């Protein structure tokens, strides 16, 4: 589970999804807490994947549009991605 969360922090949704599925397969039904964690992890992976697909090309955007888009990731519950937060801070300083 921990490695899945680390991969989410690096925006490696494919790797995180694999880790959460492995946790499910290796004993997620035996432990209620583990089951809740892999379900929550899978929900976050799906939400981040969907968020990333909504606007994969940011090259033609203004700084304000890019900032607005990046801030929408915060709508995903229980996720904090340092690289996105850093980019948001950088854009706010320049903006």
N, C-alpha and C. Protein backbone atom coordinates (compact mmCIF):
# COMPACT_ATOMS: atom_id res chain seq x y z
N UNK A 1 0.82 -1.18 0.00
CA UNK A 1 0.00 0.00 0.00
C UNK A 1 0.87 1.25 0.00
N UNK A 2 1.94 1.19 0.77
CA UNK A 2 2.82 2.34 0.85
C UNK A 2 3.45 2.66 -0.50
N UNK A 3 3.86 1.64 -1.21
CA UNK A 3 4.48 1.88 -2.52
C UNK A 3 3.45 2.42 -3.51
N UNK A 4 2.21 2.02 -3.36
CA UNK A 4 1.15 2.56 -4.21
C UNK A 4 0.97 4.05 -3.99
N UNK A 5 1.01 4.47 -2.72
CA UNK A 5 0.90 5.90 -2.40
C UNK A 5 2.11 6.67 -2.91
N UNK A 6 3.29 6.09 -2.80
CA UNK A 6 4.49 6.74 -3.32
C UNK A 6 4.39 6.93 -4.83
N UNK A 7 3.88 5.94 -5.51
CA UNK A 7 3.73 6.04 -6.95
C UNK A 7 2.69 7.10 -7.33
N UNK A 8 1.65 7.23 -6.53
CA UNK A 8 0.68 8.29 -6.78
C UNK A 8 1.34 9.65 -6.65
N UNK A 9 2.22 9.81 -5.66
CA UNK A 9 2.93 11.07 -5.47
C UNK A 9 3.79 11.42 -6.69
N UNK A 10 4.24 10.40 -7.41
CA UNK A 10 5.04 10.63 -8.62
C UNK A 10 4.17 10.62 -9.87
N UNK A 11 2.86 10.56 -9.68
CA UNK A 11 1.89 10.50 -10.77
C UNK A 11 2.04 9.26 -11.64
N UNK A 12 2.52 8.19 -11.04
CA UNK A 12 2.62 6.89 -11.73
C UNK A 12 1.34 6.12 -11.45
N UNK A 13 0.27 6.49 -12.14
CA UNK A 13 -1.02 5.86 -11.87
C UNK A 13 -1.05 4.39 -12.27
N UNK A 14 -0.32 4.04 -13.32
CA UNK A 14 -0.28 2.63 -13.75
C UNK A 14 0.38 1.77 -12.68
N UNK A 15 1.52 2.20 -12.18
CA UNK A 15 2.21 1.46 -11.13
C UNK A 15 1.41 1.41 -9.84
N UNK A 16 0.77 2.52 -9.49
CA UNK A 16 -0.04 2.56 -8.27
C UNK A 16 -1.22 1.60 -8.39
N UNK A 17 -1.85 1.60 -9.54
CA UNK A 17 -3.00 0.70 -9.74
C UNK A 17 -2.56 -0.75 -9.59
N UNK A 18 -1.40 -1.07 -10.14
CA UNK A 18 -0.86 -2.44 -10.03
C UNK A 18 -0.62 -2.80 -8.56
N UNK A 19 -0.04 -1.85 -7.79
CA UNK A 19 0.22 -2.11 -6.37
C UNK A 19 -1.06 -2.30 -5.57
N UNK A 20 -2.06 -1.49 -5.84
CA UNK A 20 -3.33 -1.63 -5.11
C UNK A 20 -4.04 -2.93 -5.49
N UNK A 21 -3.95 -3.32 -6.75
CA UNK A 21 -4.53 -4.61 -7.16
C UNK A 21 -3.79 -5.78 -6.53
N UNK A 22 -2.45 -5.67 -6.42
CA UNK A 22 -1.68 -6.72 -5.75
C UNK A 22 -2.08 -6.84 -4.29
N UNK A 23 -2.27 -5.72 -3.62
CA UNK A 23 -2.69 -5.75 -2.22
C UNK A 23 -4.04 -6.44 -2.09
N UNK A 24 -4.91 -6.17 -3.02
CA UNK A 24 -6.24 -6.81 -3.02
C UNK A 24 -6.09 -8.32 -3.21
N UNK A 25 -5.27 -8.72 -4.16
CA UNK A 25 -5.10 -10.14 -4.46
C UNK A 25 -4.35 -10.91 -3.37
N UNK A 26 -3.44 -10.23 -2.67
CA UNK A 26 -2.61 -10.91 -1.69
C UNK A 26 -3.20 -10.95 -0.28
N UNK A 27 -4.40 -10.52 -0.11
CA UNK A 27 -4.98 -10.64 1.22
C UNK A 27 -5.89 -9.52 1.62
N UNK A 28 -6.33 -8.76 0.65
CA UNK A 28 -7.21 -7.64 0.95
C UNK A 28 -8.53 -8.04 1.57
N UNK A 29 -8.96 -9.25 1.34
CA UNK A 29 -10.24 -9.68 1.92
C UNK A 29 -10.07 -10.23 3.33
N UNK A 30 -8.83 -10.41 3.77
CA UNK A 30 -8.59 -10.93 5.11
C UNK A 30 -8.51 -9.83 6.16
N UNK A 31 -8.23 -8.63 5.73
CA UNK A 31 -8.01 -7.53 6.65
C UNK A 31 -8.88 -6.35 6.23
N UNK A 32 -9.77 -5.92 7.11
CA UNK A 32 -10.70 -4.84 6.80
C UNK A 32 -9.98 -3.53 6.51
N UNK A 33 -8.98 -3.21 7.29
CA UNK A 33 -8.25 -1.95 7.09
C UNK A 33 -7.54 -1.96 5.74
N UNK A 34 -6.88 -3.06 5.42
CA UNK A 34 -6.21 -3.19 4.13
C UNK A 34 -7.20 -3.06 2.99
N UNK A 35 -8.36 -3.67 3.16
CA UNK A 35 -9.39 -3.61 2.12
C UNK A 35 -9.83 -2.17 1.89
N UNK A 36 -10.05 -1.42 2.96
CA UNK A 36 -10.43 -0.01 2.83
C UNK A 36 -9.34 0.79 2.13
N UNK A 37 -8.08 0.49 2.43
CA UNK A 37 -6.97 1.21 1.83
C UNK A 37 -6.84 0.94 0.34
N UNK A 38 -6.99 -0.32 -0.08
CA UNK A 38 -6.84 -0.56 -1.51
C UNK A 38 -8.05 -0.06 -2.28
N UNK A 39 -9.21 -0.06 -1.66
CA UNK A 39 -10.39 0.52 -2.33
C UNK A 39 -10.20 2.02 -2.51
N UNK A 40 -9.73 2.69 -1.45
CA UNK A 40 -9.48 4.12 -1.53
C UNK A 40 -8.36 4.42 -2.53
N UNK A 41 -7.32 3.62 -2.54
CA UNK A 41 -6.23 3.80 -3.49
C UNK A 41 -6.71 3.67 -4.93
N UNK A 42 -7.53 2.67 -5.18
CA UNK A 42 -8.07 2.46 -6.53
C UNK A 42 -8.96 3.63 -6.95
N UNK A 43 -9.73 4.17 -6.01
CA UNK A 43 -10.59 5.32 -6.30
C UNK A 43 -9.74 6.53 -6.69
N UNK A 44 -8.65 6.76 -5.94
CA UNK A 44 -7.78 7.89 -6.22
C UNK A 44 -7.09 7.71 -7.58
N UNK A 45 -6.62 6.50 -7.87
CA UNK A 45 -5.99 6.23 -9.16
C UNK A 45 -6.95 6.55 -10.29
N UNK A 46 -8.18 6.08 -10.19
CA UNK A 46 -9.17 6.33 -11.24
C UNK A 46 -9.46 7.81 -11.39
N UNK A 47 -9.59 8.51 -10.27
CA UNK A 47 -9.88 9.95 -10.31
C UNK A 47 -8.71 10.73 -10.92
N UNK A 48 -7.48 10.38 -10.54
CA UNK A 48 -6.31 11.07 -11.11
C UNK A 48 -6.16 10.78 -12.60
N UNK A 49 -6.43 9.55 -12.99
CA UNK A 49 -6.35 9.20 -14.41
C UNK A 49 -7.36 10.02 -15.20
N UNK A 50 -8.57 10.10 -14.68
CA UNK A 50 -9.61 10.87 -15.35
C UNK A 50 -9.23 12.35 -15.41
N UNK A 51 -8.69 12.87 -14.30
CA UNK A 51 -8.27 14.27 -14.23
C UNK A 51 -7.18 14.54 -15.27
N UNK A 52 -6.21 13.66 -15.37
CA UNK A 52 -5.12 13.83 -16.31
C UNK A 52 -5.56 13.77 -17.76
N UNK A 53 -6.60 13.02 -18.03
CA UNK A 53 -7.09 12.89 -19.40
C UNK A 53 -7.93 14.08 -19.83
N UNK A 54 -8.42 14.86 -18.88
CA UNK A 54 -9.29 15.97 -19.24
C UNK A 54 -8.55 17.05 -20.01
N UNK A 55 -7.27 17.19 -19.71
CA UNK A 55 -6.49 18.20 -20.43
C UNK A 55 -5.03 17.81 -20.41
N UNK A 56 -4.67 16.94 -21.31
CA UNK A 56 -3.29 16.45 -21.33
C UNK A 56 -2.33 17.42 -22.01
N UNK A 57 -2.83 18.30 -22.86
CA UNK A 57 -1.97 19.25 -23.55
C UNK A 57 -2.20 20.65 -22.98
N UNK A 58 -1.20 21.17 -22.29
CA UNK A 58 -1.32 22.49 -21.68
C UNK A 58 -0.44 23.52 -22.39
N UNK A 59 0.09 23.17 -23.56
CA UNK A 59 1.05 24.04 -24.23
C UNK A 59 0.44 25.36 -24.71
N UNK A 60 -0.80 25.36 -25.12
CA UNK A 60 -1.41 26.58 -25.65
C UNK A 60 -2.17 27.39 -24.63
N UNK A 61 -2.04 27.05 -23.38
CA UNK A 61 -2.82 27.72 -22.33
C UNK A 61 -2.07 28.92 -21.76
N UNK A 62 -2.86 29.86 -21.27
CA UNK A 62 -2.26 30.95 -20.53
C UNK A 62 -1.88 30.43 -19.14
N UNK A 63 -1.06 31.19 -18.44
CA UNK A 63 -0.64 30.80 -17.09
C UNK A 63 -1.86 30.70 -16.17
N UNK A 64 -2.83 31.61 -16.33
CA UNK A 64 -4.03 31.58 -15.49
C UNK A 64 -4.85 30.32 -15.75
N UNK A 65 -4.96 29.92 -17.01
CA UNK A 65 -5.71 28.70 -17.34
C UNK A 65 -5.01 27.47 -16.80
N UNK A 66 -3.68 27.45 -16.92
CA UNK A 66 -2.92 26.31 -16.42
C UNK A 66 -3.05 26.21 -14.90
N UNK A 67 -2.98 27.35 -14.22
CA UNK A 67 -3.13 27.37 -12.77
C UNK A 67 -4.51 26.87 -12.36
N UNK A 68 -5.54 27.34 -13.03
CA UNK A 68 -6.91 26.92 -12.72
C UNK A 68 -7.06 25.41 -12.90
N UNK A 69 -6.52 24.91 -14.01
CA UNK A 69 -6.60 23.48 -14.26
C UNK A 69 -5.86 22.68 -13.19
N UNK A 70 -4.64 23.07 -12.88
CA UNK A 70 -3.86 22.33 -11.88
C UNK A 70 -4.55 22.32 -10.52
N UNK A 71 -5.17 23.41 -10.16
CA UNK A 71 -5.85 23.49 -8.86
C UNK A 71 -7.06 22.56 -8.79
N UNK A 72 -7.61 22.16 -9.92
CA UNK A 72 -8.78 21.27 -9.88
C UNK A 72 -8.43 19.87 -9.38
N UNK A 73 -7.15 19.52 -9.39
CA UNK A 73 -6.78 18.19 -8.87
C UNK A 73 -7.10 18.11 -7.38
N UNK A 74 -7.15 19.24 -6.71
CA UNK A 74 -7.45 19.27 -5.27
C UNK A 74 -8.87 18.81 -4.96
N UNK A 75 -9.72 18.75 -5.98
CA UNK A 75 -11.08 18.24 -5.79
C UNK A 75 -11.09 16.74 -5.53
N UNK A 76 -10.00 16.08 -5.83
CA UNK A 76 -9.89 14.64 -5.59
C UNK A 76 -9.56 14.45 -4.11
N UNK A 77 -10.44 13.80 -3.40
CA UNK A 77 -10.31 13.62 -1.96
C UNK A 77 -9.12 12.73 -1.59
N UNK A 78 -8.42 13.10 -0.52
CA UNK A 78 -7.32 12.31 0.06
C UNK A 78 -6.11 12.15 -0.84
N UNK A 79 -5.80 13.16 -1.61
CA UNK A 79 -4.60 13.08 -2.44
C UNK A 79 -3.85 14.41 -2.37
N UNK A 80 -2.54 14.31 -2.25
CA UNK A 80 -1.67 15.48 -2.23
C UNK A 80 -0.43 15.12 -3.03
N UNK A 81 -0.26 15.77 -4.15
CA UNK A 81 0.85 15.44 -5.04
C UNK A 81 1.86 16.61 -5.01
N UNK A 82 3.02 16.36 -4.40
CA UNK A 82 4.00 17.44 -4.24
C UNK A 82 4.41 18.12 -5.54
N UNK A 83 4.56 17.37 -6.63
CA UNK A 83 4.99 18.00 -7.88
C UNK A 83 3.94 18.97 -8.43
N UNK A 84 2.68 18.62 -8.26
CA UNK A 84 1.62 19.52 -8.73
C UNK A 84 1.54 20.73 -7.81
N UNK A 85 1.65 20.51 -6.50
CA UNK A 85 1.63 21.63 -5.56
C UNK A 85 2.77 22.60 -5.83
N UNK A 86 3.94 22.08 -6.14
CA UNK A 86 5.09 22.93 -6.45
C UNK A 86 4.83 23.75 -7.71
N UNK A 87 4.27 23.12 -8.72
CA UNK A 87 3.95 23.82 -9.97
C UNK A 87 2.91 24.92 -9.72
N UNK A 88 1.92 24.64 -8.87
CA UNK A 88 0.91 25.65 -8.53
C UNK A 88 1.58 26.84 -7.85
N UNK A 89 2.47 26.57 -6.90
CA UNK A 89 3.18 27.66 -6.22
C UNK A 89 4.01 28.49 -7.18
N UNK A 90 4.71 27.81 -8.10
CA UNK A 90 5.52 28.52 -9.10
C UNK A 90 4.65 29.42 -9.98
N UNK A 91 3.51 28.91 -10.40
CA UNK A 91 2.62 29.71 -11.26
C UNK A 91 2.04 30.89 -10.49
N UNK A 92 1.73 30.71 -9.22
CA UNK A 92 1.19 31.81 -8.42
C UNK A 92 2.23 32.91 -8.22
N UNK A 93 3.49 32.51 -8.07
CA UNK A 93 4.56 33.50 -7.91
C UNK A 93 4.73 34.31 -9.19
N UNK A 94 4.68 33.66 -10.34
CA UNK A 94 4.86 34.33 -11.63
C UNK A 94 3.63 35.10 -12.06
N UNK A 95 2.49 34.74 -11.55
CA UNK A 95 1.22 35.30 -12.00
C UNK A 95 0.90 36.54 -11.30
